[in-house]
Amino acid sequence: MTLSLSHCFLIVHDYDAALAFYRDVLGLEVRNDVTFEENRWLTLSAPEQPGVEIGLEIPGYFPHTSPADRQATADLLAKGLLPGIIFRTDDCDKTFEKVRAAGAEVIQEPIDQPYGVRDCAFRDPSGNMVRFSEGSADGLNP
């Protein structure tokens, strides 16, 4: 049996603000942007990994989500407490300068971590943590 990752998801407060960040700042490519009923299916991929799509969803994307759960998710998002995403880069410092120049909120400037990577971190327009990592903690993938 073979398994591979096809999709992962981020909760965002605004599709268009997230699209501007992930597409225009980071250079991801839109794979799907379809509006249906009251929903929007929006996915992006890194050009080097077209088979792995990042889906952007707003709180309460699924119609069965209760108003209380929708609000709880929005509150966690606003506090920056939802899981983020990590991208591998071949130049952490260059990536940092590009993303900072675009106005993203800096969480961590580039540093060498004791587990073998050089990384930095930002918040996307919704407050999600977005990390950029150069090198590999396992030492196998530069």
Protein backbone atom coordinates (compact mmCIF):
# COMPACT_ATOMS: atom_id res chain seq x y z
CA MET A 1 0.00 0.00 0.00
CA THR A 2 1.36 3.40 -0.99
CA LEU A 3 0.35 6.60 0.78
CA SER A 4 1.20 10.18 -0.08
CA LEU A 5 -0.02 13.54 1.13
CA SER A 6 -2.42 15.26 -1.25
CA HIS A 7 -4.05 18.05 0.82
CA CYS A 8 -3.63 19.92 4.08
CA PHE A 9 -5.77 22.80 5.31
CA LEU A 10 -5.40 26.17 6.97
CA ILE A 11 -8.21 28.15 8.56
CA VAL A 12 -8.20 31.77 7.38
CA HIS A 13 -10.44 34.71 8.20
CA ASP A 14 -10.57 36.05 4.63
CA TYR A 15 -10.01 34.11 1.41
CA ASP A 16 -8.78 37.06 -0.61
CA ALA A 17 -6.30 38.30 2.02
CA ALA A 18 -4.93 34.76 2.37
CA LEU A 19 -4.76 34.37 -1.40
CA ALA A 20 -2.77 37.61 -1.71
CA PHE A 21 -0.28 36.34 0.88
CA TYR A 22 0.15 32.74 -0.25
CA ARG A 23 0.02 33.44 -4.00
CA ASP A 24 1.45 36.92 -4.38
CA VAL A 25 4.02 36.96 -1.55
CA LEU A 26 5.05 33.30 -1.29
CA GLY A 27 4.60 32.41 -4.95
CA LEU A 28 2.26 29.46 -4.53
CA GLU A 29 0.13 28.58 -7.53
CA VAL A 30 -3.67 28.43 -7.42
CA ARG A 31 -4.85 24.90 -8.21
CA ASN A 32 -8.57 25.41 -7.58
CA ASP A 33 -10.74 28.44 -6.90
CA VAL A 34 -14.35 27.36 -7.21
CA THR A 35 -17.42 28.92 -5.63
CA PHE A 36 -20.36 26.60 -5.07
CA GLU A 37 -23.48 27.08 -2.99
CA GLU A 38 -22.20 29.30 -0.15
CA ASN A 39 -18.70 27.83 -0.12
CA ARG A 40 -15.40 28.38 -1.86
CA TRP A 41 -12.91 25.61 -2.65
CA LEU A 42 -9.54 27.37 -2.79
CA THR A 43 -6.31 25.38 -2.97
CA LEU A 44 -2.70 26.31 -3.74
CA SER A 45 0.55 24.42 -4.27
CA ALA A 46 4.23 25.16 -4.39
CA PRO A 47 5.40 24.99 -8.02
CA GLU A 48 7.89 22.30 -6.97
CA GLN A 49 5.14 20.20 -5.34
CA PRO A 50 2.05 20.44 -7.53
CA GLY A 51 0.62 17.25 -6.07
CA VAL A 52 0.37 18.67 -2.53
CA GLU A 53 -2.41 21.22 -2.19
CA ILE A 54 -3.00 23.62 0.69
CA GLY A 55 -6.70 24.24 1.14
CA LEU A 56 -7.81 27.54 2.64
CA GLU A 57 -11.00 27.42 4.69
CA ILE A 58 -12.90 29.99 6.70
CA PRO A 59 -14.25 29.15 10.19
CA GLY A 60 -17.44 27.16 9.76
CA TYR A 61 -16.65 26.07 6.22
CA PHE A 62 -18.76 22.96 6.72
CA PRO A 63 -22.50 23.69 6.89
CA HIS A 64 -23.04 21.40 9.89
CA THR A 65 -20.70 23.54 12.05
CA SER A 66 -22.63 25.06 14.94
CA PRO A 67 -22.53 28.83 15.47
CA ALA A 68 -20.71 28.26 18.79
CA ASP A 69 -18.02 26.12 17.11
CA ARG A 70 -17.71 28.63 14.28
CA GLN A 71 -17.10 31.39 16.84
CA ALA A 72 -14.68 29.27 18.89
CA THR A 73 -12.63 28.55 15.77
CA ALA A 74 -12.61 32.24 14.81
CA ASP A 75 -11.47 33.13 18.34
CA LEU A 76 -8.59 30.62 18.27
CA LEU A 77 -7.59 31.89 14.83
CA ALA A 78 -7.57 35.51 16.04
CA LYS A 79 -5.28 34.51 18.93
CA GLY A 80 -2.87 32.67 16.60
CA LEU A 81 -3.47 29.38 18.42
CA LEU A 82 -4.27 27.11 15.49
CA PRO A 83 -1.59 24.87 13.98
CA GLY A 84 0.50 26.56 11.34
CA ILE A 85 2.50 25.38 8.37
CA ILE A 86 6.20 24.89 7.64
CA PHE A 87 7.75 25.37 4.23
CA ARG A 88 11.21 24.13 3.29
CA THR A 89 13.37 26.74 1.56
CA ASP A 90 16.85 26.65 0.06
CA ASP A 91 17.67 30.09 1.52
CA CYS A 92 16.08 31.01 4.84
CA ASP A 93 17.61 34.48 5.01
CA LYS A 94 16.53 35.44 1.49
CA THR A 95 13.02 34.10 2.14
CA PHE A 96 12.87 36.04 5.40
CA GLU A 97 13.79 39.31 3.68
CA LYS A 98 11.22 38.77 0.92
CA VAL A 99 8.35 38.00 3.31
CA ARG A 100 9.30 40.78 5.73
CA ALA A 101 9.49 43.29 2.85
CA ALA A 102 5.92 42.33 1.96
CA GLY A 103 4.82 43.48 5.42
CA ALA A 104 4.16 40.15 7.15
CA GLU A 105 4.34 40.14 10.94
CA VAL A 106 7.68 38.69 12.05
CA ILE A 107 7.54 36.11 14.84
CA GLN A 108 11.15 34.92 14.66
CA GLU A 109 14.10 36.16 12.66
CA PRO A 110 16.34 33.51 11.05
CA ILE A 111 18.27 31.44 13.59
CA ASP A 112 20.15 28.16 13.62
CA GLN A 113 18.17 25.64 15.66
CA PRO A 114 19.86 22.98 17.79
CA TYR A 115 18.00 20.28 15.86
CA GLY A 116 19.80 21.05 12.61
CA VAL A 117 17.79 23.62 10.65
CA ARG A 118 17.93 27.36 10.12
CA ASP A 119 14.43 28.80 10.29
CA CYS A 120 12.29 31.88 10.68
CA ALA A 121 8.60 32.50 11.32
CA PHE A 122 5.83 34.94 10.42
CA ARG A 123 2.09 35.31 10.88
CA ASP A 124 -0.09 35.20 7.78
CA PRO A 125 -2.92 37.77 7.47
CA SER A 126 -5.17 35.49 9.57
CA GLY A 127 -2.64 34.99 12.36
CA ASN A 128 -1.47 31.49 11.39
CA MET A 129 2.19 30.79 12.04
CA VAL A 130 4.13 30.23 8.83
CA ARG A 131 7.68 28.91 9.25
CA PHE A 132 10.43 28.66 6.65
CA SER A 133 13.09 26.03 7.28
CA GLU A 134 16.43 25.52 5.55
CA GLY A 135 18.12 22.18 6.02
CA SER A 136 16.67 19.13 7.65
CA ALA A 137 16.39 18.04 11.25
CA ASP A 138 17.10 14.45 10.16
CA GLY A 139 20.24 15.49 8.33
CA LEU A 140 19.15 13.59 5.20
CA ASN A 141 17.44 16.29 3.14
CA PRO A 142 19.32 19.56 2.69
